[in-house]
Amino acid sequence: MKQSADPELACPVAPVVDIVFSRWTTPILWALNEYGRQRFVELERRLTSITPKVLTQRLRQLERDGLVSRTYHAEVPPRVEYEITELGASLGPLFAHLTTWADASLGEVERARRAYDAQR
């Protein structure tokens, strides 16, 4: 990857963060990875606080990014299913490392926040 003088562009993980850590991306990918192929309403039930509009937008973006595939079944009524792609599933080790870090470090983050807030 070519280096840039622009600090915003110089970080090689910035594009990954933009793709993977947008709001709702990780819960959607987790649900598809954990429970397999699902219809829209199944995802909507699992992710109880997401609106249908936002779920549709995120699924479209994830499909565009190649992390989720959408299959349309021309039936009556029509049926659409979503599943995580091989590319999306390849993020599993990244999420596993982040889970390990979270388990080990979020308590320390919370203590640091309390100490910071107590100084204010």
N, C-alpha and C. Protein backbone atom coordinates (compact mmCIF):
# COMPACT_ATOMS: atom_id res chain seq x y z
N MET A 1 0.85 -1.18 0.00
CA MET A 1 0.00 0.00 0.00
C MET A 1 0.89 1.24 0.00
N LYS A 2 0.58 2.18 -0.86
CA LYS A 2 1.36 3.41 -1.00
C LYS A 2 1.14 4.32 0.22
N GLN A 3 2.23 4.87 0.74
CA GLN A 3 2.17 5.78 1.88
C GLN A 3 1.77 7.18 1.42
N SER A 4 1.07 7.89 2.27
CA SER A 4 0.64 9.25 1.96
C SER A 4 1.18 10.20 3.02
N ALA A 5 1.40 11.45 2.62
CA ALA A 5 1.83 12.47 3.57
C ALA A 5 0.65 12.96 4.41
N ASP A 6 -0.54 12.76 3.92
CA ASP A 6 -1.75 13.16 4.64
C ASP A 6 -1.98 12.19 5.79
N PRO A 7 -1.93 12.66 7.05
CA PRO A 7 -2.10 11.75 8.19
C PRO A 7 -3.39 10.94 8.14
N GLU A 8 -4.43 11.53 7.61
CA GLU A 8 -5.71 10.82 7.53
C GLU A 8 -5.63 9.65 6.56
N LEU A 9 -4.83 9.79 5.51
CA LEU A 9 -4.68 8.73 4.50
C LEU A 9 -3.51 7.80 4.79
N ALA A 10 -2.60 8.21 5.68
CA ALA A 10 -1.38 7.44 5.93
C ALA A 10 -1.65 6.15 6.70
N CYS A 11 -2.64 6.13 7.54
CA CYS A 11 -2.93 4.95 8.36
C CYS A 11 -3.54 3.85 7.48
N PRO A 12 -2.87 2.71 7.37
CA PRO A 12 -3.36 1.66 6.47
C PRO A 12 -4.64 0.97 6.93
N VAL A 13 -5.00 1.12 8.21
CA VAL A 13 -6.23 0.47 8.68
C VAL A 13 -7.45 1.38 8.63
N ALA A 14 -7.25 2.65 8.31
CA ALA A 14 -8.38 3.59 8.28
C ALA A 14 -9.51 3.12 7.35
N PRO A 15 -9.20 2.66 6.13
CA PRO A 15 -10.30 2.19 5.27
C PRO A 15 -11.03 0.98 5.86
N VAL A 16 -10.28 0.11 6.55
CA VAL A 16 -10.90 -1.07 7.17
C VAL A 16 -11.85 -0.63 8.29
N VAL A 17 -11.41 0.32 9.08
CA VAL A 17 -12.25 0.83 10.16
C VAL A 17 -13.52 1.44 9.58
N ASP A 18 -13.40 2.19 8.49
CA ASP A 18 -14.58 2.79 7.86
C ASP A 18 -15.56 1.73 7.38
N ILE A 19 -15.04 0.64 6.84
CA ILE A 19 -15.91 -0.42 6.31
C ILE A 19 -16.53 -1.25 7.42
N VAL A 20 -15.70 -1.74 8.31
CA VAL A 20 -16.12 -2.76 9.27
C VAL A 20 -16.77 -2.19 10.52
N PHE A 21 -16.36 -1.02 10.94
CA PHE A 21 -16.84 -0.53 12.22
C PHE A 21 -17.85 0.60 12.12
N SER A 22 -18.52 0.67 10.99
CA SER A 22 -19.66 1.58 10.89
C SER A 22 -20.76 1.06 11.80
N ARG A 23 -21.59 1.93 12.29
CA ARG A 23 -22.68 1.53 13.19
C ARG A 23 -23.50 0.42 12.54
N TRP A 24 -23.76 -0.60 13.26
CA TRP A 24 -24.58 -1.76 12.89
C TRP A 24 -23.86 -2.81 12.04
N THR A 25 -22.70 -2.50 11.50
CA THR A 25 -22.01 -3.48 10.66
C THR A 25 -21.62 -4.71 11.46
N THR A 26 -20.96 -4.51 12.59
CA THR A 26 -20.50 -5.67 13.35
C THR A 26 -21.67 -6.51 13.89
N PRO A 27 -22.75 -5.93 14.42
CA PRO A 27 -23.85 -6.79 14.85
C PRO A 27 -24.50 -7.58 13.70
N ILE A 28 -24.60 -6.97 12.53
CA ILE A 28 -25.17 -7.67 11.37
C ILE A 28 -24.26 -8.82 10.97
N LEU A 29 -22.97 -8.56 10.84
CA LEU A 29 -22.03 -9.61 10.45
C LEU A 29 -22.00 -10.71 11.51
N TRP A 30 -22.03 -10.34 12.77
CA TRP A 30 -22.03 -11.34 13.84
C TRP A 30 -23.26 -12.24 13.74
N ALA A 31 -24.44 -11.62 13.56
CA ALA A 31 -25.68 -12.40 13.47
C ALA A 31 -25.65 -13.35 12.28
N LEU A 32 -25.16 -12.89 11.14
CA LEU A 32 -25.11 -13.76 9.96
C LEU A 32 -24.07 -14.86 10.13
N ASN A 33 -22.97 -14.55 10.79
CA ASN A 33 -21.94 -15.55 11.03
C ASN A 33 -22.43 -16.58 12.05
N GLU A 34 -23.08 -16.12 13.09
CA GLU A 34 -23.52 -16.99 14.18
C GLU A 34 -24.71 -17.86 13.79
N TYR A 35 -25.68 -17.29 13.08
CA TYR A 35 -26.93 -17.99 12.80
C TYR A 35 -27.10 -18.41 11.35
N GLY A 36 -26.16 -18.06 10.49
CA GLY A 36 -26.23 -18.45 9.09
C GLY A 36 -27.20 -17.61 8.28
N ARG A 37 -27.56 -18.12 7.12
CA ARG A 37 -28.44 -17.41 6.18
C ARG A 37 -29.75 -17.02 6.88
N GLN A 38 -30.17 -15.76 6.66
CA GLN A 38 -31.37 -15.26 7.31
C GLN A 38 -32.15 -14.34 6.39
N ARG A 39 -33.44 -14.32 6.60
CA ARG A 39 -34.29 -13.37 5.92
C ARG A 39 -34.22 -12.04 6.66
N PHE A 40 -34.68 -10.99 5.99
CA PHE A 40 -34.65 -9.64 6.56
C PHE A 40 -35.34 -9.60 7.92
N VAL A 41 -36.53 -10.18 8.01
CA VAL A 41 -37.29 -10.13 9.27
C VAL A 41 -36.58 -10.87 10.39
N GLU A 42 -35.83 -11.92 10.06
CA GLU A 42 -35.08 -12.62 11.09
C GLU A 42 -33.97 -11.74 11.65
N LEU A 43 -33.27 -11.05 10.76
CA LEU A 43 -32.24 -10.11 11.21
C LEU A 43 -32.85 -8.99 12.04
N GLU A 44 -33.98 -8.51 11.58
CA GLU A 44 -34.66 -7.42 12.28
C GLU A 44 -35.04 -7.85 13.70
N ARG A 45 -35.47 -9.08 13.87
CA ARG A 45 -35.83 -9.60 15.20
C ARG A 45 -34.61 -9.74 16.10
N ARG A 46 -33.50 -10.14 15.52
CA ARG A 46 -32.28 -10.32 16.32
C ARG A 46 -31.67 -8.99 16.74
N LEU A 47 -31.77 -7.99 15.88
CA LEU A 47 -31.19 -6.68 16.14
C LEU A 47 -32.34 -5.73 16.49
N THR A 48 -32.83 -5.83 17.69
CA THR A 48 -34.10 -5.23 18.07
C THR A 48 -34.14 -3.70 18.01
N SER A 49 -33.03 -3.03 18.12
CA SER A 49 -33.10 -1.56 18.15
C SER A 49 -32.73 -0.91 16.82
N ILE A 50 -32.55 -1.68 15.77
CA ILE A 50 -32.26 -1.10 14.45
C ILE A 50 -33.58 -0.86 13.71
N THR A 51 -33.67 0.23 12.99
CA THR A 51 -34.88 0.50 12.21
C THR A 51 -34.80 -0.25 10.88
N PRO A 52 -35.93 -0.58 10.27
CA PRO A 52 -35.90 -1.25 8.98
C PRO A 52 -35.13 -0.47 7.92
N LYS A 53 -35.27 0.85 7.93
CA LYS A 53 -34.56 1.69 6.96
C LYS A 53 -33.04 1.55 7.11
N VAL A 54 -32.57 1.62 8.34
CA VAL A 54 -31.13 1.53 8.59
C VAL A 54 -30.63 0.12 8.28
N LEU A 55 -31.40 -0.90 8.64
CA LEU A 55 -31.00 -2.27 8.33
C LEU A 55 -30.86 -2.45 6.81
N THR A 56 -31.82 -1.93 6.06
CA THR A 56 -31.76 -2.01 4.60
C THR A 56 -30.50 -1.30 4.09
N GLN A 57 -30.23 -0.11 4.58
CA GLN A 57 -29.05 0.65 4.14
C GLN A 57 -27.76 -0.10 4.44
N ARG A 58 -27.64 -0.64 5.67
CA ARG A 58 -26.42 -1.34 6.06
C ARG A 58 -26.24 -2.61 5.24
N LEU A 59 -27.33 -3.37 5.03
CA LEU A 59 -27.24 -4.59 4.23
C LEU A 59 -26.80 -4.27 2.80
N ARG A 60 -27.33 -3.20 2.23
CA ARG A 60 -26.92 -2.81 0.88
C ARG A 60 -25.44 -2.46 0.84
N GLN A 61 -24.97 -1.72 1.85
CA GLN A 61 -23.56 -1.35 1.88
C GLN A 61 -22.67 -2.58 2.07
N LEU A 62 -23.09 -3.49 2.95
CA LEU A 62 -22.32 -4.71 3.16
C LEU A 62 -22.29 -5.58 1.91
N GLU A 63 -23.39 -5.59 1.18
CA GLU A 63 -23.43 -6.33 -0.09
C GLU A 63 -22.48 -5.67 -1.09
N ARG A 64 -22.52 -4.35 -1.16
CA ARG A 64 -21.64 -3.60 -2.07
C ARG A 64 -20.17 -3.85 -1.75
N ASP A 65 -19.85 -3.95 -0.44
CA ASP A 65 -18.48 -4.18 0.00
C ASP A 65 -18.05 -5.64 -0.15
N GLY A 66 -19.00 -6.53 -0.49
CA GLY A 66 -18.67 -7.93 -0.68
C GLY A 66 -18.66 -8.75 0.60
N LEU A 67 -19.17 -8.19 1.69
CA LEU A 67 -19.16 -8.89 2.98
C LEU A 67 -20.42 -9.71 3.21
N VAL A 68 -21.48 -9.37 2.49
CA VAL A 68 -22.78 -10.06 2.62
C VAL A 68 -23.29 -10.33 1.21
N SER A 69 -23.93 -11.49 1.04
CA SER A 69 -24.58 -11.76 -0.24
C SER A 69 -26.09 -11.78 -0.04
N ARG A 70 -26.79 -11.38 -1.07
CA ARG A 70 -28.25 -11.30 -1.06
C ARG A 70 -28.76 -12.24 -2.14
N THR A 71 -29.70 -13.09 -1.76
CA THR A 71 -30.29 -14.01 -2.72
C THR A 71 -31.79 -13.74 -2.79
N TYR A 72 -32.25 -13.45 -4.01
CA TYR A 72 -33.67 -13.19 -4.26
C TYR A 72 -34.31 -14.45 -4.81
N HIS A 73 -35.40 -14.88 -4.19
CA HIS A 73 -36.14 -16.05 -4.66
C HIS A 73 -37.46 -15.55 -5.24
N ALA A 74 -37.65 -15.76 -6.53
CA ALA A 74 -38.86 -15.30 -7.22
C ALA A 74 -40.01 -16.26 -6.90
N GLU A 75 -40.59 -16.07 -5.75
CA GLU A 75 -41.72 -16.88 -5.29
C GLU A 75 -42.87 -15.95 -4.98
N VAL A 76 -43.98 -16.51 -4.62
CA VAL A 76 -45.11 -15.70 -4.16
C VAL A 76 -45.41 -16.12 -2.72
N PRO A 77 -45.16 -15.26 -1.74
CA PRO A 77 -44.54 -13.93 -1.87
C PRO A 77 -43.03 -14.06 -2.10
N PRO A 78 -42.42 -13.00 -2.65
CA PRO A 78 -40.97 -13.04 -2.89
C PRO A 78 -40.21 -13.24 -1.57
N ARG A 79 -39.08 -13.90 -1.67
CA ARG A 79 -38.27 -14.17 -0.48
C ARG A 79 -36.84 -13.71 -0.76
N VAL A 80 -36.25 -13.00 0.19
CA VAL A 80 -34.86 -12.53 0.08
C VAL A 80 -34.11 -13.04 1.30
N GLU A 81 -32.94 -13.59 1.05
CA GLU A 81 -32.10 -14.08 2.14
C GLU A 81 -30.72 -13.43 2.07
N TYR A 82 -30.14 -13.25 3.24
CA TYR A 82 -28.81 -12.67 3.35
C TYR A 82 -27.90 -13.66 4.05
N GLU A 83 -26.64 -13.69 3.61
CA GLU A 83 -25.66 -14.50 4.32
C GLU A 83 -24.28 -13.86 4.22
N ILE A 84 -23.47 -14.19 5.18
CA ILE A 84 -22.12 -13.64 5.20
C ILE A 84 -21.31 -14.34 4.10
N THR A 85 -20.48 -13.59 3.41
CA THR A 85 -19.64 -14.16 2.35
C THR A 85 -18.34 -14.69 2.96
N GLU A 86 -17.56 -15.33 2.13
CA GLU A 86 -16.25 -15.80 2.58
C GLU A 86 -15.39 -14.61 3.02
N LEU A 87 -15.49 -13.51 2.28
CA LEU A 87 -14.74 -12.30 2.66
C LEU A 87 -15.21 -11.78 4.01
N GLY A 88 -16.51 -11.74 4.22
CA GLY A 88 -17.04 -11.29 5.51
C GLY A 88 -16.62 -12.21 6.64
N ALA A 89 -16.68 -13.52 6.40
CA ALA A 89 -16.29 -14.50 7.42
C ALA A 89 -14.80 -14.41 7.74
N SER A 90 -14.00 -13.93 6.78
CA SER A 90 -12.56 -13.82 7.02
C SER A 90 -12.24 -12.77 8.08
N LEU A 91 -13.22 -11.96 8.45
CA LEU A 91 -13.03 -10.98 9.53
C LEU A 91 -13.10 -11.63 10.91
N GLY A 92 -13.51 -12.89 10.97
CA GLY A 92 -13.66 -13.60 12.24
C GLY A 92 -12.45 -13.50 13.15
N PRO A 93 -11.22 -13.77 12.66
CA PRO A 93 -10.05 -13.66 13.54
C PRO A 93 -9.85 -12.24 14.08
N LEU A 94 -10.14 -11.24 13.27
CA LEU A 94 -10.04 -9.86 13.74
C LEU A 94 -10.99 -9.63 14.90
N PHE A 95 -12.24 -10.08 14.74
CA PHE A 95 -13.22 -9.91 15.82
C PHE A 95 -12.84 -10.72 17.04
N ALA A 96 -12.25 -11.90 16.85
CA ALA A 96 -11.81 -12.72 17.98
C ALA A 96 -10.72 -11.99 18.77
N HIS A 97 -9.76 -11.37 18.06
CA HIS A 97 -8.71 -10.60 18.73
C HIS A 97 -9.30 -9.40 19.48
N LEU A 98 -10.25 -8.74 18.86
CA LEU A 98 -10.88 -7.60 19.53
C LEU A 98 -11.65 -8.04 20.77
N THR A 99 -12.28 -9.21 20.71
CA THR A 99 -12.99 -9.75 21.88
C THR A 99 -12.01 -10.03 23.01
N THR A 100 -10.88 -10.62 22.67
CA THR A 100 -9.85 -10.89 23.68
C THR A 100 -9.36 -9.59 24.30
N TRP A 101 -9.12 -8.59 23.45
CA TRP A 101 -8.68 -7.29 23.97
C TRP A 101 -9.76 -6.69 24.86
N ALA A 102 -11.01 -6.76 24.43
CA ALA A 102 -12.11 -6.18 25.21
C ALA A 102 -12.21 -6.85 26.58
N ASP A 103 -12.14 -8.17 26.60
CA ASP A 103 -12.22 -8.90 27.87
C ASP A 103 -11.10 -8.49 28.82
N ALA A 104 -9.91 -8.28 28.27
CA ALA A 104 -8.75 -7.94 29.09
C ALA A 104 -8.65 -6.46 29.43
N SER A 105 -9.24 -5.59 28.62
CA SER A 105 -8.93 -4.16 28.73
C SER A 105 -10.09 -3.23 29.04
N LEU A 106 -11.31 -3.62 28.80
CA LEU A 106 -12.41 -2.67 29.00
C LEU A 106 -12.58 -2.25 30.45
N GLY A 107 -12.24 -3.12 31.40
CA GLY A 107 -12.27 -2.72 32.81
C GLY A 107 -11.29 -1.58 33.07
N GLU A 108 -10.11 -1.68 32.47
CA GLU A 108 -9.11 -0.62 32.62
C GLU A 108 -9.57 0.67 31.96
N VAL A 109 -10.21 0.56 30.82
CA VAL A 109 -10.75 1.74 30.14
C VAL A 109 -11.79 2.41 31.04
N GLU A 110 -12.66 1.63 31.62
CA GLU A 110 -13.71 2.18 32.50
C GLU A 110 -13.08 2.87 33.73
N ARG A 111 -12.04 2.26 34.31
CA ARG A 111 -11.35 2.89 35.45
C ARG A 111 -10.71 4.21 35.03
N ALA A 112 -10.10 4.24 33.85
CA ALA A 112 -9.47 5.47 33.35
C ALA A 112 -10.52 6.55 33.14
N ARG A 113 -11.67 6.18 32.63
CA ARG A 113 -12.75 7.15 32.43
C ARG A 113 -13.23 7.73 33.76
N ARG A 114 -13.41 6.83 34.73
CA ARG A 114 -13.86 7.32 36.06
C ARG A 114 -12.84 8.27 36.66
N ALA A 115 -11.56 7.93 36.54
CA ALA A 115 -10.49 8.78 37.09
C ALA A 115 -10.47 10.12 36.36
N TYR A 116 -10.62 10.11 35.07
CA TYR A 116 -10.64 11.33 34.29
C TYR A 116 -11.83 12.20 34.69
N ASP A 117 -13.01 11.58 34.74
CA ASP A 117 -14.23 12.32 35.10
C ASP A 117 -14.16 12.88 36.52
N ALA A 118 -13.50 12.19 37.44
CA ALA A 118 -13.39 12.65 38.82
C ALA A 118 -12.51 13.90 38.92
N GLN A 119 -11.61 14.10 37.98
CA GLN A 119 -10.74 15.28 37.97
C GLN A 119 -11.46 16.51 37.45
N ARG A 120 -12.55 16.34 36.80
CA ARG A 120 -13.26 17.47 36.17
C ARG A 120 -14.15 18.15 37.13
